[in-house]
Amino acid sequence: ELEFQKQTSTFSAIKPQLSRNALVLFPLFRRLQEEEQQLRTSSLPAIPNPFPELCSPASSPVLSPGSLPPGEPSSGKYIVKIFSEDGMGKVVEIPADMTARDLCQLLVYKSHCVDDNSWALVEHHPLLGLERCLEDHELVVQVQASMNSDSRFLFRKNYAKYEFFRNPLTFFPEHMVAWCQETNHTIPPSQLLQNFLATSSCPEIQGHLYMKDVGRKSWKKVYMFLRRSGLYCSTKGTSKEPRHLQLLADLEDSNIFTVITGRKQHGAPTDYAFCIKPNKGRGEMKELRMLCAEDEQSRTCWMTAFRLFKYGIVLYQNYKIPQQRKTLLSHFSAPRSVSENSLVAMDFSGRIGRVIDNPVEAQSAAMEEGHAWRVRRSFLCYLIHIAQLWFHGRITREESHRIIHQQGQVDGLFLLRVSQSNPKAFVLTLCHHQKIKHFQILPCEEDGQVFFSLDDGATKFTDLIQLVEFYQLNRGVLPCKLKHPCTVVAL
């Protein structure tokens, strides 16, 4: 302490000279600071390090953004880049514990679009031709840590994410569910879903699949079984005996992906390929278990059952939470009613608006405004639909198929586009029973006014918005009502 006081007094003595001759005394000032720091450090008691192995450079892992190990969220911020359908990216800073559902809500808020619980975050691997929708409860940072450098996140609609809870028979054909075969098809749909969600029951998906040999280009057709314990193939026909079953993939440590380039990149025998990819793999082709179904319904059944076996009741909770939130908000957002007595006719032709008290003048003004609006509407009939989310402009038939496939292939999924064969006409692209159909919308003129019709003039509409609103309420000549518009939002 005496030494410290001497050094402090020495520094106080030279302090007035420091401002006059700073260049000469600056090394002395730095030396006094270093000695003071050493004195303070030496006066502290020695505390043993309780975790010496954590201080070893060889054994102490360093966590950086993008390298978070699964199951170990930290409290830092991480950078995630999200891409939209148009290829544009958006950088978002998120915490380590943010789920895919929370990130989708954040992007919906930033993009000023409607949150209808159908937005999804897609894990996309362009080099492998794979993609999958993240579950709502998955941590985005953990998924990003297991992705390759060329992989990316996409933000898009997915109406089929929880559609199997609303219509399970469409997703689980009876000939593919072993339990339905054993009970002579007497199982109600609600009981079927309960058996998939309950851990005590043992449902099973069965059927033929094409499987690609590891390290080869050839595919072979085998009989497979999907259970909670994993995916098995039978080495002898359709036998279920344990000695004839071979384990192909474990559900717990794997994820299921849709193969978007099955025929071109992997030589798949059909267009309905999917694969099982291990979580901890490096994303090489030899680590993928490539499979292919006969049709879209079979592929959807295998992939949906995989999700249910892996996550179980968590999927149902993800489905119910937004529904409960929507019900809760409906109690606090009662619609406001406007009385006709509170509406008055106004004249804005002058500098200052005035209330029209004369009923005859008000009726005349209403007729003039109606005529002017009809003239403007006839002029804007070709332009008023451009701002609608379901209108996609001049895209090809193949492009409309791709968008429908990406957003879920549920009944009532639709979009409108300009016809390629007739530039004055439009085409309604609609999905029904996982099949895509096209309906041409032709313009027709009557009394100098242009109308649009879907049924050769039997039902006419002044614009496309009116046409879409009508078929959202009435099926008409369509196989089903228009329910879900294909939406593409730029981030």
Protein backbone atom coordinates (compact mmCIF):
# COMPACT_ATOMS: atom_id res chain seq x y z
CA GLU A 1 0.00 0.00 0.00
CA LEU A 2 2.90 2.40 0.78
CA GLU A 3 4.45 1.59 -2.58
CA PHE A 4 1.10 2.26 -4.29
CA GLN A 5 0.75 5.64 -2.50
CA LYS A 6 4.31 6.63 -3.51
CA GLN A 7 3.64 5.81 -7.11
CA THR A 8 0.33 7.72 -7.00
CA SER A 9 1.99 10.78 -5.49
CA THR A 10 4.72 10.58 -8.09
CA PHE A 11 2.10 10.55 -10.82
CA SER A 12 0.34 13.54 -9.20
CA ALA A 13 3.62 15.42 -9.11
CA ILE A 14 4.34 14.94 -12.78
CA LYS A 15 0.73 15.51 -13.88
CA PRO A 16 1.15 19.31 -14.36
CA GLN A 17 4.24 18.69 -16.50
CA LEU A 18 2.39 16.15 -18.65
CA SER A 19 0.40 18.79 -20.48
CA ARG A 20 3.53 20.90 -21.23
CA ASN A 21 5.82 18.07 -22.29
CA ALA A 22 3.54 15.14 -23.19
CA LEU A 23 5.96 13.58 -25.67
CA VAL A 24 8.67 13.16 -23.07
CA LEU A 25 6.58 11.89 -20.15
CA PHE A 26 4.13 9.62 -22.07
CA PRO A 27 6.29 6.44 -21.64
CA LEU A 28 6.49 7.15 -17.92
CA PHE A 29 2.71 7.52 -17.74
CA ARG A 30 2.20 4.16 -19.49
CA ARG A 31 4.75 2.46 -17.17
CA LEU A 32 2.93 3.80 -14.09
CA GLN A 33 -0.38 2.47 -15.42
CA GLU A 34 1.12 -0.98 -15.98
CA GLU A 35 2.62 -1.06 -12.49
CA GLU A 36 -0.66 0.03 -10.95
CA GLN A 37 -2.49 -2.76 -12.81
CA GLN A 38 0.05 -5.34 -11.64
CA LEU A 39 -0.31 -4.14 -8.06
CA ARG A 40 -4.08 -4.52 -8.14
CA THR A 41 -3.85 -7.95 -9.70
CA SER A 42 -1.31 -9.21 -7.18
CA SER A 43 -3.44 -8.03 -4.27
CA LEU A 44 -6.35 -10.30 -5.35
CA PRO A 45 -6.51 -13.76 -3.70
CA ALA A 46 -5.75 -16.74 -5.91
CA ILE A 47 -9.01 -18.53 -6.88
CA PRO A 48 -8.63 -22.02 -8.34
CA ASN A 49 -10.35 -22.63 -11.69
CA PRO A 50 -13.18 -25.13 -11.12
CA PHE A 51 -13.39 -26.00 -14.85
CA PRO A 52 -9.82 -26.24 -16.16
CA GLU A 53 -10.84 -28.45 -19.08
CA LEU A 54 -13.00 -25.63 -20.48
CA CYS A 55 -9.96 -23.34 -20.70
CA SER A 56 -7.94 -25.73 -22.80
CA PRO A 57 -7.76 -24.53 -26.40
CA ALA A 58 -7.73 -28.09 -27.68
CA SER A 59 -10.88 -29.22 -25.89
CA SER A 60 -13.00 -26.07 -25.65
CA PRO A 61 -15.43 -25.75 -28.58
CA VAL A 62 -16.09 -22.27 -29.88
CA LEU A 63 -19.67 -21.59 -30.89
CA SER A 64 -20.19 -19.22 -33.76
CA PRO A 65 -23.36 -18.25 -35.66
CA GLY A 66 -24.36 -21.15 -37.83
CA SER A 67 -22.49 -23.78 -35.78
CA LEU A 68 -24.89 -24.32 -32.91
CA PRO A 69 -25.05 -28.01 -31.97
CA PRO A 70 -28.53 -29.56 -31.78
CA GLY A 71 -30.23 -29.37 -28.42
CA GLU A 72 -27.93 -26.65 -27.03
CA PRO A 73 -29.48 -23.21 -27.67
CA SER A 74 -27.46 -20.23 -26.52
CA SER A 75 -28.47 -16.66 -25.79
CA GLY A 76 -26.75 -15.01 -28.77
CA LYS A 77 -28.06 -13.55 -32.01
CA TYR A 78 -27.69 -15.38 -35.32
CA ILE A 79 -27.90 -14.24 -38.91
CA VAL A 80 -30.32 -16.10 -41.18
CA LYS A 81 -30.94 -15.34 -44.85
CA ILE A 82 -34.39 -16.09 -46.24
CA PHE A 83 -35.25 -16.23 -49.95
CA SER A 84 -38.63 -15.61 -51.58
CA GLU A 85 -40.10 -17.14 -54.73
CA ASP A 86 -38.56 -14.46 -56.95
CA GLY A 87 -35.04 -15.34 -55.79
CA MET A 88 -34.53 -12.23 -53.68
CA GLY A 89 -33.04 -12.68 -50.22
CA LYS A 90 -33.59 -10.98 -46.88
CA VAL A 91 -31.19 -11.08 -43.94
CA VAL A 92 -32.82 -11.46 -40.53
CA GLU A 93 -31.18 -11.45 -37.10
CA ILE A 94 -32.90 -13.93 -34.79
CA PRO A 95 -32.28 -15.40 -31.32
CA ALA A 96 -31.16 -18.99 -30.95
CA ASP A 97 -34.52 -20.13 -29.54
CA MET A 98 -36.69 -18.79 -32.38
CA THR A 99 -38.90 -21.45 -33.97
CA ALA A 100 -39.88 -21.73 -37.60
CA ARG A 101 -43.42 -20.58 -36.79
CA ASP A 102 -42.15 -17.45 -35.01
CA LEU A 103 -39.85 -16.60 -37.90
CA CYS A 104 -42.73 -17.00 -40.37
CA GLN A 105 -44.83 -14.61 -38.29
CA LEU A 106 -41.94 -12.14 -38.28
CA LEU A 107 -41.62 -12.34 -42.08
CA VAL A 108 -45.38 -11.98 -42.49
CA TYR A 109 -45.26 -8.82 -40.40
CA LYS A 110 -42.30 -7.38 -42.33
CA SER A 111 -43.83 -8.25 -45.72
CA HIS A 112 -47.28 -6.83 -44.84
CA CYS A 113 -49.13 -9.98 -45.90
CA VAL A 114 -52.00 -11.87 -44.29
CA ASP A 115 -51.10 -14.40 -41.61
CA ASP A 116 -53.45 -17.34 -42.30
CA ASN A 117 -51.24 -19.97 -40.62
CA SER A 118 -50.28 -21.47 -43.97
CA TRP A 119 -46.85 -19.85 -44.38
CA ALA A 120 -43.89 -22.16 -44.04
CA LEU A 121 -40.11 -22.12 -43.95
CA VAL A 122 -38.61 -24.49 -46.51
CA GLU A 123 -35.17 -26.10 -46.27
CA HIS A 124 -33.94 -26.18 -49.87
CA HIS A 125 -30.89 -28.06 -51.22
CA PRO A 126 -30.42 -27.03 -54.88
CA LEU A 127 -27.46 -29.32 -55.66
CA LEU A 128 -29.26 -32.40 -54.35
CA GLY A 129 -32.66 -31.35 -55.65
CA LEU A 130 -34.31 -31.74 -52.22
CA GLU A 131 -36.59 -29.63 -50.06
CA ARG A 132 -38.79 -29.99 -46.99
CA CYS A 133 -41.00 -27.73 -44.87
CA LEU A 134 -39.75 -27.16 -41.35
CA GLU A 135 -42.14 -28.08 -38.57
CA ASP A 136 -43.47 -25.10 -36.61
CA HIS A 137 -41.64 -26.11 -33.42
CA GLU A 138 -38.20 -26.66 -34.98
CA LEU A 139 -35.44 -24.23 -34.03
CA VAL A 140 -34.21 -22.39 -37.11
CA VAL A 141 -30.64 -22.03 -35.84
CA GLN A 142 -30.32 -25.76 -35.22
CA VAL A 143 -31.57 -26.58 -38.71
CA GLN A 144 -29.19 -24.03 -40.23
CA ALA A 145 -26.26 -25.63 -38.38
CA SER A 146 -26.91 -28.96 -40.15
CA MET A 147 -27.29 -27.44 -43.64
CA ASN A 148 -24.64 -27.27 -46.34
CA SER A 149 -23.13 -24.03 -47.57
CA ASP A 150 -25.15 -24.17 -50.80
CA SER A 151 -28.47 -24.75 -49.00
CA ARG A 152 -30.95 -22.00 -48.24
CA PHE A 153 -34.26 -21.18 -46.55
CA LEU A 154 -37.33 -20.35 -48.67
CA PHE A 155 -40.44 -18.52 -47.49
CA ARG A 156 -43.61 -19.74 -49.17
CA LYS A 157 -47.15 -20.99 -48.68
CA ASN A 158 -47.90 -24.61 -47.79
CA TYR A 159 -51.61 -25.29 -47.44
CA ALA A 160 -51.06 -29.05 -47.01
CA LYS A 161 -49.00 -28.69 -43.82
CA TYR A 162 -51.89 -29.75 -41.56
CA GLU A 163 -54.53 -30.73 -44.12
CA PHE A 164 -54.40 -34.38 -43.02
CA PHE A 165 -56.02 -33.39 -39.70
CA ARG A 166 -59.06 -32.07 -41.61
CA ASN A 167 -59.40 -34.85 -44.18
CA PRO A 168 -57.38 -37.93 -43.11
CA LEU A 169 -58.96 -40.37 -45.58
CA THR A 170 -57.48 -38.43 -48.50
CA PHE A 171 -53.99 -38.79 -47.06
CA PHE A 172 -54.24 -42.37 -45.78
CA PRO A 173 -55.83 -44.78 -48.29
CA GLU A 174 -57.20 -47.88 -46.66
CA HIS A 175 -55.10 -50.26 -48.78
CA MET A 176 -51.90 -48.63 -47.40
CA VAL A 177 -52.85 -48.73 -43.70
CA ALA A 178 -52.28 -52.22 -42.30
CA TRP A 179 -54.62 -51.54 -39.39
CA CYS A 180 -57.55 -50.87 -41.75
CA GLN A 181 -56.86 -54.14 -43.53
CA GLU A 182 -56.91 -56.09 -40.27
CA THR A 183 -60.21 -54.55 -39.07
CA ASN A 184 -62.08 -54.92 -42.40
CA HIS A 185 -62.23 -51.14 -43.07
CA THR A 186 -64.37 -50.34 -40.03
CA ILE A 187 -62.12 -47.66 -38.53
CA PRO A 188 -63.52 -44.10 -38.40
CA PRO A 189 -61.19 -41.29 -39.53
CA SER A 190 -60.94 -39.78 -36.04
CA GLN A 191 -59.82 -43.09 -34.55
CA LEU A 192 -57.28 -43.49 -37.34
CA LEU A 193 -55.61 -40.19 -36.43
CA GLN A 194 -55.68 -41.02 -32.72
CA ASN A 195 -53.77 -44.21 -33.39
CA PHE A 196 -51.13 -42.28 -35.32
CA LEU A 197 -50.76 -39.70 -32.54
CA ALA A 198 -50.75 -42.10 -29.59
CA THR A 199 -47.41 -43.64 -28.70
CA SER A 200 -49.01 -46.83 -27.36
CA SER A 201 -50.70 -47.84 -30.63
CA CYS A 202 -48.76 -49.34 -33.54
CA PRO A 203 -50.17 -48.36 -36.92
CA GLU A 204 -48.25 -49.31 -40.02
CA ILE A 205 -48.00 -48.03 -43.59
CA GLN A 206 -47.31 -50.67 -46.23
CA GLY A 207 -46.95 -50.84 -49.98
CA HIS A 208 -44.59 -51.14 -52.93
CA LEU A 209 -41.93 -48.47 -53.50
CA TYR A 210 -39.10 -48.05 -55.93
CA MET A 211 -35.75 -47.89 -54.13
CA LYS A 212 -32.47 -46.70 -55.63
CA ASP A 213 -29.46 -48.89 -54.94
CA VAL A 214 -26.73 -47.11 -52.98
CA GLY A 215 -23.91 -46.06 -55.28
CA ARG A 216 -25.80 -47.14 -58.43
CA LYS A 217 -28.20 -45.64 -60.92
CA SER A 218 -30.62 -48.58 -60.96
CA TRP A 219 -33.98 -48.69 -59.15
CA LYS A 220 -35.78 -51.79 -57.90
CA LYS A 221 -39.34 -52.31 -56.68
CA VAL A 222 -39.65 -53.69 -53.15
CA TYR A 223 -42.37 -54.06 -50.52
CA MET A 224 -41.87 -51.70 -47.56
CA PHE A 225 -43.25 -51.09 -44.08
CA LEU A 226 -43.13 -47.80 -42.18
CA ARG A 227 -43.37 -48.09 -38.39
CA ARG A 228 -42.43 -45.94 -35.41
CA SER A 229 -39.13 -47.77 -35.17
CA GLY A 230 -38.16 -47.02 -38.75
CA LEU A 231 -38.55 -47.88 -42.43
CA TYR A 232 -38.18 -51.57 -43.36
CA CYS A 233 -38.13 -53.49 -46.61
CA SER A 234 -39.04 -57.11 -47.06
CA THR A 235 -36.35 -59.35 -48.52
CA LYS A 236 -38.96 -61.98 -49.44
CA GLY A 237 -42.02 -60.68 -51.25
CA THR A 238 -44.54 -59.11 -48.86
CA SER A 239 -43.50 -61.12 -45.80
CA LYS A 240 -43.66 -59.36 -42.42
CA GLU A 241 -41.61 -61.91 -40.52
CA PRO A 242 -38.74 -60.31 -38.57
CA ARG A 243 -36.15 -62.47 -40.32
CA HIS A 244 -37.28 -61.09 -43.68
CA LEU A 245 -37.27 -57.40 -42.67
CA GLN A 246 -34.30 -55.13 -43.27
CA LEU A 247 -34.00 -51.72 -41.58
CA LEU A 248 -33.41 -48.97 -44.15
CA ALA A 249 -33.72 -45.75 -42.12
CA ASP A 250 -34.26 -44.60 -38.56
CA LEU A 251 -36.95 -41.94 -38.11
CA GLU A 252 -35.48 -40.31 -35.03
CA ASP A 253 -32.20 -39.17 -36.62
CA SER A 254 -33.53 -38.47 -40.12
CA ASN A 255 -35.76 -36.09 -42.06
CA ILE A 256 -37.92 -36.75 -45.09
CA PHE A 257 -37.53 -34.60 -48.21
CA THR A 258 -39.39 -34.16 -51.47
CA VAL A 259 -37.21 -34.78 -54.52
CA ILE A 260 -37.96 -31.98 -56.98
CA THR A 261 -35.62 -33.22 -59.73
CA GLY A 262 -36.27 -36.96 -59.49
CA ARG A 263 -36.32 -37.95 -63.15
CA LYS A 264 -33.65 -35.55 -64.41
CA GLN A 265 -31.06 -35.75 -61.63
CA HIS A 266 -31.66 -39.16 -60.06
CA GLY A 267 -33.25 -41.16 -62.89
CA ALA A 268 -36.41 -41.90 -60.90
CA PRO A 269 -38.99 -44.12 -62.66
CA THR A 270 -41.86 -41.68 -61.81
CA ASP A 271 -42.32 -38.03 -60.87
CA TYR A 272 -43.17 -38.86 -57.25
CA ALA A 273 -39.76 -39.32 -55.65
CA PHE A 274 -38.80 -38.58 -52.04
CA CYS A 275 -35.83 -39.41 -49.86
CA ILE A 276 -34.77 -39.88 -46.24
CA LYS A 277 -31.72 -37.86 -45.28
CA PRO A 278 -29.78 -38.29 -42.00
CA ASN A 279 -29.51 -35.18 -39.83
CA LYS A 280 -25.80 -35.48 -39.06
CA GLY A 281 -24.63 -36.42 -42.54
CA ARG A 282 -22.60 -34.25 -44.86
CA GLY A 283 -25.32 -34.25 -47.50
CA GLU A 284 -23.57 -36.61 -49.90
CA MET A 285 -25.53 -38.66 -52.39
CA LYS A 286 -24.49 -41.99 -50.87
CA GLU A 287 -26.05 -41.00 -47.53
CA LEU A 288 -29.51 -40.47 -49.04
CA ARG A 289 -32.15 -43.20 -49.11
CA MET A 290 -33.88 -42.45 -52.44
CA LEU A 291 -37.44 -43.74 -52.83
CA CYS A 292 -40.18 -43.33 -55.43
CA ALA A 293 -43.95 -43.92 -55.32
CA GLU A 294 -46.42 -44.78 -58.06
CA ASP A 295 -48.61 -41.67 -57.65
CA GLU A 296 -48.92 -38.45 -55.68
CA GLN A 297 -51.35 -39.85 -53.12
CA SER A 298 -48.99 -42.69 -52.20
CA ARG A 299 -46.03 -40.33 -51.83
CA THR A 300 -48.11 -37.99 -49.65
CA CYS A 301 -49.19 -40.92 -47.47
CA TRP A 302 -45.62 -42.11 -46.85
CA MET A 303 -44.32 -38.62 -46.10
CA THR A 304 -47.24 -37.67 -43.82
CA ALA A 305 -46.94 -40.92 -41.86
CA PHE A 306 -43.20 -40.28 -41.44
CA ARG A 307 -43.96 -36.90 -39.84
CA LEU A 308 -46.62 -38.36 -37.55
CA PHE A 309 -44.42 -41.23 -36.41
CA LYS A 310 -41.50 -38.91 -35.70
CA TYR A 311 -43.26 -36.01 -33.93
CA GLY A 312 -46.60 -37.49 -32.83
CA ILE A 313 -48.78 -35.27 -30.66
CA VAL A 314 -46.46 -32.28 -31.20
CA LEU A 315 -47.84 -31.91 -34.74
CA TYR A 316 -51.39 -31.79 -33.39
CA GLN A 317 -50.38 -29.13 -30.88
CA ASN A 318 -48.79 -27.08 -33.68
CA TYR A 319 -52.05 -27.38 -35.60
CA LYS A 320 -54.34 -26.45 -32.69
CA ILE A 321 -52.46 -23.45 -31.27
CA PRO A 322 -53.15 -21.14 -34.26
CA GLN A 323 -56.77 -22.32 -34.33
CA GLN A 324 -57.21 -21.43 -30.66
CA ARG A 325 -55.57 -18.04 -31.22
CA LYS A 326 -57.95 -17.34 -34.11
CA THR A 327 -60.97 -18.27 -31.94
CA LEU A 328 -59.73 -16.05 -29.12
CA LEU A 329 -59.25 -13.05 -31.41
CA SER A 330 -62.73 -13.44 -32.89
CA HIS A 331 -64.26 -12.66 -29.47
CA PHE A 332 -62.47 -9.30 -29.31
CA SER A 333 -62.94 -8.19 -32.92
CA ALA A 334 -66.70 -7.88 -33.35
CA PRO A 335 -67.66 -6.30 -36.70
CA ARG A 336 -68.85 -2.70 -36.57
CA SER A 337 -72.28 -1.97 -37.99
CA VAL A 338 -72.95 1.27 -39.84
CA SER A 339 -76.48 2.63 -39.80
CA GLU A 340 -77.89 4.00 -43.05
CA ASN A 341 -79.20 7.01 -41.14
CA SER A 342 -75.60 8.09 -40.43
CA LEU A 343 -74.75 8.32 -44.17
CA VAL A 344 -75.33 11.59 -46.01
CA ALA A 345 -74.85 12.74 -49.61
CA MET A 346 -71.87 15.06 -50.17
CA ASP A 347 -70.87 17.38 -53.01
CA PHE A 348 -67.11 17.80 -53.49
CA SER A 349 -67.21 19.73 -56.77
CA GLY A 350 -66.22 23.00 -55.07
CA ARG A 351 -63.30 23.91 -52.86
CA ILE A 352 -65.22 22.97 -49.72
CA GLY A 353 -67.43 19.90 -49.51
CA ARG A 354 -71.09 20.47 -48.64
CA VAL A 355 -73.94 18.25 -47.48
CA ILE A 356 -76.71 17.82 -50.09
CA ASP A 357 -79.98 18.41 -48.28
CA ASN A 358 -82.31 18.27 -51.30
CA PRO A 359 -83.35 14.63 -51.96
CA VAL A 360 -83.87 15.26 -55.68
CA GLU A 361 -80.36 16.71 -56.03
CA ALA A 362 -78.90 13.80 -54.03
CA GLN A 363 -80.57 11.23 -56.31
CA SER A 364 -79.32 13.03 -59.42
CA ALA A 365 -75.77 13.13 -58.01
CA ALA A 366 -75.94 9.40 -57.26
CA MET A 367 -77.00 8.61 -60.83
CA GLU A 368 -74.16 10.71 -62.29
CA GLU A 369 -71.62 9.06 -60.01
CA GLY A 370 -72.92 5.60 -60.94
CA HIS A 371 -72.60 6.35 -64.65
CA ALA A 372 -69.07 7.71 -64.21
CA TRP A 373 -68.10 4.64 -62.19
CA ARG A 374 -69.41 2.27 -64.91
CA VAL A 375 -67.31 4.10 -67.50
CA ARG A 376 -64.20 3.87 -65.31
CA ARG A 377 -64.91 0.22 -64.46
CA SER A 378 -65.22 -0.77 -68.13
CA PHE A 379 -61.84 0.86 -68.73
CA LEU A 380 -60.18 -0.79 -65.72
CA CYS A 381 -61.68 -4.27 -66.21
CA TYR A 382 -58.38 -5.50 -67.67
CA LEU A 383 -56.25 -3.83 -64.97
CA ILE A 384 -58.15 -4.13 -61.68
CA HIS A 385 -57.07 -7.76 -61.11
CA ILE A 386 -53.32 -7.16 -61.46
CA ALA A 387 -52.85 -6.31 -57.78
CA GLN A 388 -54.60 -9.49 -56.57
CA LEU A 389 -52.46 -12.16 -54.90
CA TRP A 390 -53.98 -14.97 -56.99
CA PHE A 391 -53.09 -13.34 -60.33
CA HIS A 392 -49.69 -14.45 -61.68
CA GLY A 393 -49.60 -12.73 -65.06
CA ARG A 394 -47.97 -14.35 -68.11
CA ILE A 395 -46.64 -17.61 -66.73
CA THR A 396 -46.55 -20.91 -68.58
CA ARG A 397 -48.65 -23.95 -67.87
CA GLU A 398 -45.57 -25.75 -66.50
CA GLU A 399 -44.83 -22.83 -64.17
CA SER A 400 -48.39 -22.90 -62.82
CA HIS A 401 -48.01 -26.64 -62.16
CA ARG A 402 -44.79 -26.00 -60.23
CA ILE A 403 -46.41 -23.33 -58.04
CA ILE A 404 -49.41 -25.57 -57.29
CA HIS A 405 -47.09 -28.45 -56.36
CA GLN A 406 -44.99 -26.27 -54.07
CA GLN A 407 -47.93 -24.83 -52.16
CA GLY A 408 -49.58 -28.08 -51.18
CA GLN A 409 -51.86 -29.61 -53.86
CA VAL A 410 -54.93 -29.39 -51.64
CA ASP A 411 -58.50 -29.14 -52.95
CA GLY A 412 -59.40 -25.60 -53.98
CA LEU A 413 -55.84 -24.33 -54.46
CA PHE A 414 -55.96 -21.99 -57.47
CA LEU A 415 -54.36 -19.18 -59.46
CA LEU A 416 -55.23 -17.09 -62.51
CA ARG A 417 -52.88 -16.39 -65.41
CA VAL A 418 -52.91 -14.94 -68.90
CA SER A 419 -53.71 -17.49 -71.61
CA GLN A 420 -50.81 -18.38 -73.90
CA SER A 421 -53.02 -19.33 -76.83
CA ASN A 422 -55.41 -16.34 -76.59
CA PRO A 423 -53.84 -13.10 -75.26
CA LYS A 424 -57.29 -11.62 -74.54
CA ALA A 425 -58.34 -14.59 -72.42
CA PHE A 426 -57.30 -15.86 -68.99
CA VAL A 427 -56.88 -19.32 -67.47
CA LEU A 428 -58.00 -20.56 -64.05
CA THR A 429 -55.62 -23.26 -62.76
CA LEU A 430 -57.29 -25.34 -60.05
CA CYS A 431 -56.21 -28.32 -57.94
CA HIS A 432 -58.75 -31.04 -57.12
CA HIS A 433 -58.01 -34.53 -55.73
CA GLN A 434 -54.27 -33.82 -56.22
CA LYS A 435 -54.82 -33.28 -59.94
CA ILE A 436 -54.36 -29.93 -61.68
CA LYS A 437 -57.01 -28.74 -64.12
CA HIS A 438 -57.21 -25.65 -66.33
CA PHE A 439 -60.33 -23.64 -67.22
CA GLN A 440 -60.27 -20.91 -69.85
CA ILE A 441 -61.93 -17.57 -69.06
CA LEU A 442 -63.14 -15.92 -72.26
CA PRO A 443 -64.15 -12.27 -72.72
CA CYS A 444 -67.54 -11.56 -74.27
CA GLU A 445 -69.09 -8.23 -75.27
CA GLU A 446 -72.72 -7.29 -74.69
CA ASP A 447 -74.25 -3.83 -75.28
CA GLY A 448 -70.81 -2.32 -75.63
CA GLN A 449 -69.58 -3.71 -72.27
CA VAL A 450 -67.00 -6.45 -71.82
CA PHE A 451 -67.80 -9.43 -69.57
CA PHE A 452 -65.85 -12.53 -68.53
CA SER A 453 -67.29 -16.01 -68.46
CA LEU A 454 -66.09 -19.45 -67.46
CA ASP A 455 -69.05 -21.39 -68.91
CA ASP A 456 -69.50 -20.00 -72.46
CA GLY A 457 -71.54 -16.98 -71.40
CA ALA A 458 -74.03 -18.71 -69.10
CA THR A 459 -72.63 -16.79 -66.11
CA LYS A 460 -71.03 -13.40 -66.88
CA PHE A 461 -68.90 -11.17 -64.68
CA THR A 462 -67.72 -7.60 -65.17
CA ASP A 463 -64.16 -8.37 -63.98
CA LEU A 464 -62.00 -11.22 -62.71
CA ILE A 465 -62.35 -10.21 -59.06
CA GLN A 466 -66.10 -10.67 -59.27
CA LEU A 467 -65.58 -14.02 -60.99
CA VAL A 468 -63.23 -15.29 -58.28
CA GLU A 469 -65.50 -14.08 -55.47
CA PHE A 470 -68.48 -15.88 -57.05
CA TYR A 471 -66.67 -19.22 -57.38
CA GLN A 472 -65.32 -18.91 -53.85
CA LEU A 473 -68.96 -19.11 -52.71
CA ASN A 474 -70.42 -21.31 -55.48
CA ARG A 475 -68.90 -24.32 -57.18
CA GLY A 476 -70.78 -23.80 -60.44
CA VAL A 477 -69.13 -25.72 -63.31
CA LEU A 478 -65.93 -26.26 -61.30
CA PRO A 479 -65.17 -29.54 -59.48
CA CYS A 480 -64.82 -27.63 -56.17
CA LYS A 481 -64.95 -24.11 -54.78
CA LEU A 482 -61.96 -21.78 -54.91
CA LYS A 483 -60.48 -21.94 -51.40
CA HIS A 484 -56.75 -21.21 -51.30
CA PRO A 485 -55.11 -18.63 -53.58
CA CYS A 486 -51.55 -19.33 -54.67
CA THR A 487 -49.66 -16.40 -53.19
CA VAL A 488 -46.15 -15.22 -54.00
CA VAL A 489 -44.78 -12.46 -51.74
CA ALA A 490 -41.55 -10.56 -52.33
CA LEU A 491 -39.48 -10.12 -49.17
